[in-house]
Amino acid sequence: MRGGNITSSLLVPAEGEVVLQGEEVVRALLVAVASLEDLVKVGRDSQMALNALEEIAFELGKMDSREGRRFTEVLEHVAAAEPDRAVWIEDVPSALGLECT
């Protein structure tokens, strides 16, 4: 998994960390994406996991430019709080084929 052990560290913000509105949803999305990426690589249901990633990308692709900017902003905030996974987190939109600016 490119995100490392994202499940345990992304579910609960660090003590004193500022949580942006919507950050919990983005953290949950990152957990799902990381898990699905693992399943694509090693799971016997890799096609199902790939289909799920494509559906996530499709739904996120419906964001308008304002929503896309907000999504990117929250991803950047989460990435700053997760320096070991920052590159992977910031690459998620690109990996899903999204153009969030």
C-alpha atoms as a PDB file:
ATOM      1  CA  MET A   1       0.000   0.000   0.000  1.00  0.00           C
ATOM      2  CA  ARG A   2       1.437   3.358  -0.968  1.00  0.00           C
ATOM      3  CA  GLY A   3      -0.142   5.031   2.032  1.00  0.00           C
ATOM      4  CA  GLY A   4       1.523   2.824   4.599  1.00  0.00           C
ATOM      5  CA  ASN A   5      -0.553   1.917   7.640  1.00  0.00           C
ATOM      6  CA  ILE A   6      -3.005   4.702   7.019  1.00  0.00           C
ATOM      7  CA  THR A   7      -5.906   3.092   8.854  1.00  0.00           C
ATOM      8  CA  SER A   8      -4.660   3.516  12.390  1.00  0.00           C
ATOM      9  CA  SER A   9      -3.175   6.983  12.069  1.00  0.00           C
ATOM     10  CA  LEU A  10      -5.789   8.732   9.954  1.00  0.00           C
ATOM     11  CA  LEU A  11      -8.872   7.868  11.933  1.00  0.00           C
ATOM     12  CA  VAL A  12      -8.058   9.952  15.002  1.00  0.00           C
ATOM     13  CA  PRO A  13      -6.518  13.440  14.810  1.00  0.00           C
ATOM     14  CA  ALA A  14      -3.513  14.034  17.049  1.00  0.00           C
ATOM     15  CA  GLU A  15      -4.144  15.800  20.342  1.00  0.00           C
ATOM     16  CA  GLY A  16      -4.367  19.544  19.799  1.00  0.00           C
ATOM     17  CA  GLU A  17      -4.646  19.159  16.001  1.00  0.00           C
ATOM     18  CA  VAL A  18      -7.076  21.490  14.283  1.00  0.00           C
ATOM     19  CA  VAL A  19      -9.711  19.575  12.345  1.00  0.00           C
ATOM     20  CA  LEU A  20     -11.145  21.319   9.293  1.00  0.00           C
ATOM     21  CA  GLN A  21     -14.788  20.858   8.429  1.00  0.00           C
ATOM     22  CA  GLY A  22     -15.014  17.773   6.258  1.00  0.00           C
ATOM     23  CA  GLU A  23     -11.639  16.449   7.346  1.00  0.00           C
ATOM     24  CA  GLU A  24     -13.180  13.371   8.939  1.00  0.00           C
ATOM     25  CA  VAL A  25     -14.788  12.456   5.629  1.00  0.00           C
ATOM     26  CA  VAL A  26     -11.502  12.929   3.763  1.00  0.00           C
ATOM     27  CA  ARG A  27      -9.659  10.827   6.346  1.00  0.00           C
ATOM     28  CA  ALA A  28     -12.266   8.072   5.963  1.00  0.00           C
ATOM     29  CA  LEU A  29     -11.984   8.287   2.182  1.00  0.00           C
ATOM     30  CA  LEU A  30      -8.201   7.929   2.418  1.00  0.00           C
ATOM     31  CA  VAL A  31      -8.603   4.813   4.563  1.00  0.00           C
ATOM     32  CA  ALA A  32     -10.957   3.322   1.970  1.00  0.00           C
ATOM     33  CA  VAL A  33      -8.691   4.211  -0.952  1.00  0.00           C
ATOM     34  CA  ALA A  34      -5.622   2.770   0.781  1.00  0.00           C
ATOM     35  CA  SER A  35      -7.475  -0.446   1.620  1.00  0.00           C
ATOM     36  CA  LEU A  36      -8.795  -0.803  -1.909  1.00  0.00           C
ATOM     37  CA  GLU A  37      -5.322  -0.205  -3.347  1.00  0.00           C
ATOM     38  CA  ASP A  38      -4.039  -3.052  -1.194  1.00  0.00           C
ATOM     39  CA  LEU A  39      -6.827  -5.320  -2.420  1.00  0.00           C
ATOM     40  CA  VAL A  40      -6.085  -4.444  -6.044  1.00  0.00           C
ATOM     41  CA  LYS A  41      -2.477  -5.554  -5.526  1.00  0.00           C
ATOM     42  CA  VAL A  42      -2.943  -8.718  -3.479  1.00  0.00           C
ATOM     43  CA  GLY A  43      -6.605  -9.528  -3.091  1.00  0.00           C
ATOM     44  CA  ARG A  44      -8.451 -12.253  -4.855  1.00  0.00           C
ATOM     45  CA  ASP A  45     -11.205  -9.697  -5.435  1.00  0.00           C
ATOM     46  CA  SER A  46      -8.851  -7.243  -7.099  1.00  0.00           C
ATOM     47  CA  GLN A  47     -11.272  -6.483  -9.927  1.00  0.00           C
ATOM     48  CA  MET A  48     -13.993  -5.626  -7.422  1.00  0.00           C
ATOM     49  CA  ALA A  49     -11.581  -3.338  -5.548  1.00  0.00           C
ATOM     50  CA  LEU A  50     -10.542  -1.672  -8.804  1.00  0.00           C
ATOM     51  CA  ASN A  51     -14.197  -1.138  -9.681  1.00  0.00           C
ATOM     52  CA  ALA A  52     -14.772   0.450  -6.271  1.00  0.00           C
ATOM     53  CA  LEU A  53     -11.821   2.824  -6.817  1.00  0.00           C
ATOM     54  CA  GLU A  54     -13.252   3.748 -10.206  1.00  0.00           C
ATOM     55  CA  GLU A  55     -16.645   4.457  -8.619  1.00  0.00           C
ATOM     56  CA  ILE A  56     -14.994   6.656  -5.970  1.00  0.00           C
ATOM     57  CA  ALA A  57     -13.178   8.533  -8.740  1.00  0.00           C
ATOM     58  CA  PHE A  58     -16.405   8.894 -10.716  1.00  0.00           C
ATOM     59  CA  GLU A  59     -18.293  10.334  -7.749  1.00  0.00           C
ATOM     60  CA  LEU A  60     -15.450  12.686  -6.780  1.00  0.00           C
ATOM     61  CA  GLY A  61     -15.208  13.741 -10.416  1.00  0.00           C
ATOM     62  CA  LYS A  62     -18.639  15.334 -10.049  1.00  0.00           C
ATOM     63  CA  MET A  63     -17.192  18.040  -7.786  1.00  0.00           C
ATOM     64  CA  ASP A  64     -17.334  21.557  -9.171  1.00  0.00           C
ATOM     65  CA  SER A  65     -14.168  23.687  -9.095  1.00  0.00           C
ATOM     66  CA  ARG A  66     -15.002  25.168  -5.678  1.00  0.00           C
ATOM     67  CA  GLU A  67     -15.588  21.735  -4.183  1.00  0.00           C
ATOM     68  CA  GLY A  68     -12.403  20.450  -5.815  1.00  0.00           C
ATOM     69  CA  ARG A  69     -10.372  23.286  -4.290  1.00  0.00           C
ATOM     70  CA  ARG A  70     -11.879  22.587  -0.883  1.00  0.00           C
ATOM     71  CA  PHE A  71     -11.125  18.877  -1.239  1.00  0.00           C
ATOM     72  CA  THR A  72      -7.517  19.699  -2.141  1.00  0.00           C
ATOM     73  CA  GLU A  73      -7.268  22.096   0.800  1.00  0.00           C
ATOM     74  CA  VAL A  74      -8.436  19.438   3.240  1.00  0.00           C
ATOM     75  CA  LEU A  75      -6.110  16.843   1.682  1.00  0.00           C
ATOM     76  CA  GLU A  76      -3.192  19.241   2.126  1.00  0.00           C
ATOM     77  CA  HIS A  77      -4.143  19.783   5.766  1.00  0.00           C
ATOM     78  CA  VAL A  78      -4.336  16.036   6.383  1.00  0.00           C
ATOM     79  CA  ALA A  79      -1.031  15.530   4.547  1.00  0.00           C
ATOM     80  CA  ALA A  80       0.648  18.158   6.730  1.00  0.00           C
ATOM     81  CA  ALA A  81      -0.480  16.205   9.800  1.00  0.00           C
ATOM     82  CA  GLU A  82       0.790  12.931   8.271  1.00  0.00           C
ATOM     83  CA  PRO A  83       4.312  13.746   6.980  1.00  0.00           C
ATOM     84  CA  ASP A  84       5.212  10.079   6.461  1.00  0.00           C
ATOM     85  CA  ARG A  85       2.276   9.715   4.062  1.00  0.00           C
ATOM     86  CA  ALA A  86       2.077  13.268   2.724  1.00  0.00           C
ATOM     87  CA  VAL A  87       3.244  12.456  -0.803  1.00  0.00           C
ATOM     88  CA  TRP A  88       0.751   9.604  -1.128  1.00  0.00           C
ATOM     89  CA  ILE A  89      -2.108  11.669   0.332  1.00  0.00           C
ATOM     90  CA  GLU A  90      -1.440  14.618  -1.972  1.00  0.00           C
ATOM     91  CA  ASP A  91      -1.248  12.231  -4.958  1.00  0.00           C
ATOM     92  CA  VAL A  92      -4.653  10.645  -4.345  1.00  0.00           C
ATOM     93  CA  PRO A  93      -6.565  13.027  -6.672  1.00  0.00           C
ATOM     94  CA  SER A  94      -4.065  12.409  -9.469  1.00  0.00           C
ATOM     95  CA  ALA A  95      -4.084   8.658  -8.865  1.00  0.00           C
ATOM     96  CA  LEU A  96      -7.876   8.733  -9.171  1.00  0.00           C
ATOM     97  CA  GLY A  97      -7.661  10.809 -12.355  1.00  0.00           C
ATOM     98  CA  LEU A  98      -9.149  13.933 -10.762  1.00  0.00           C
ATOM     99  CA  GLU A  99      -8.273  17.472 -11.681  1.00  0.00           C
ATOM    100  CA  CYS A 100      -8.715  19.306  -8.370  1.00  0.00           C
ATOM    101  CA  THR A 101      -7.276  22.800  -8.486  1.00  0.00           C
END
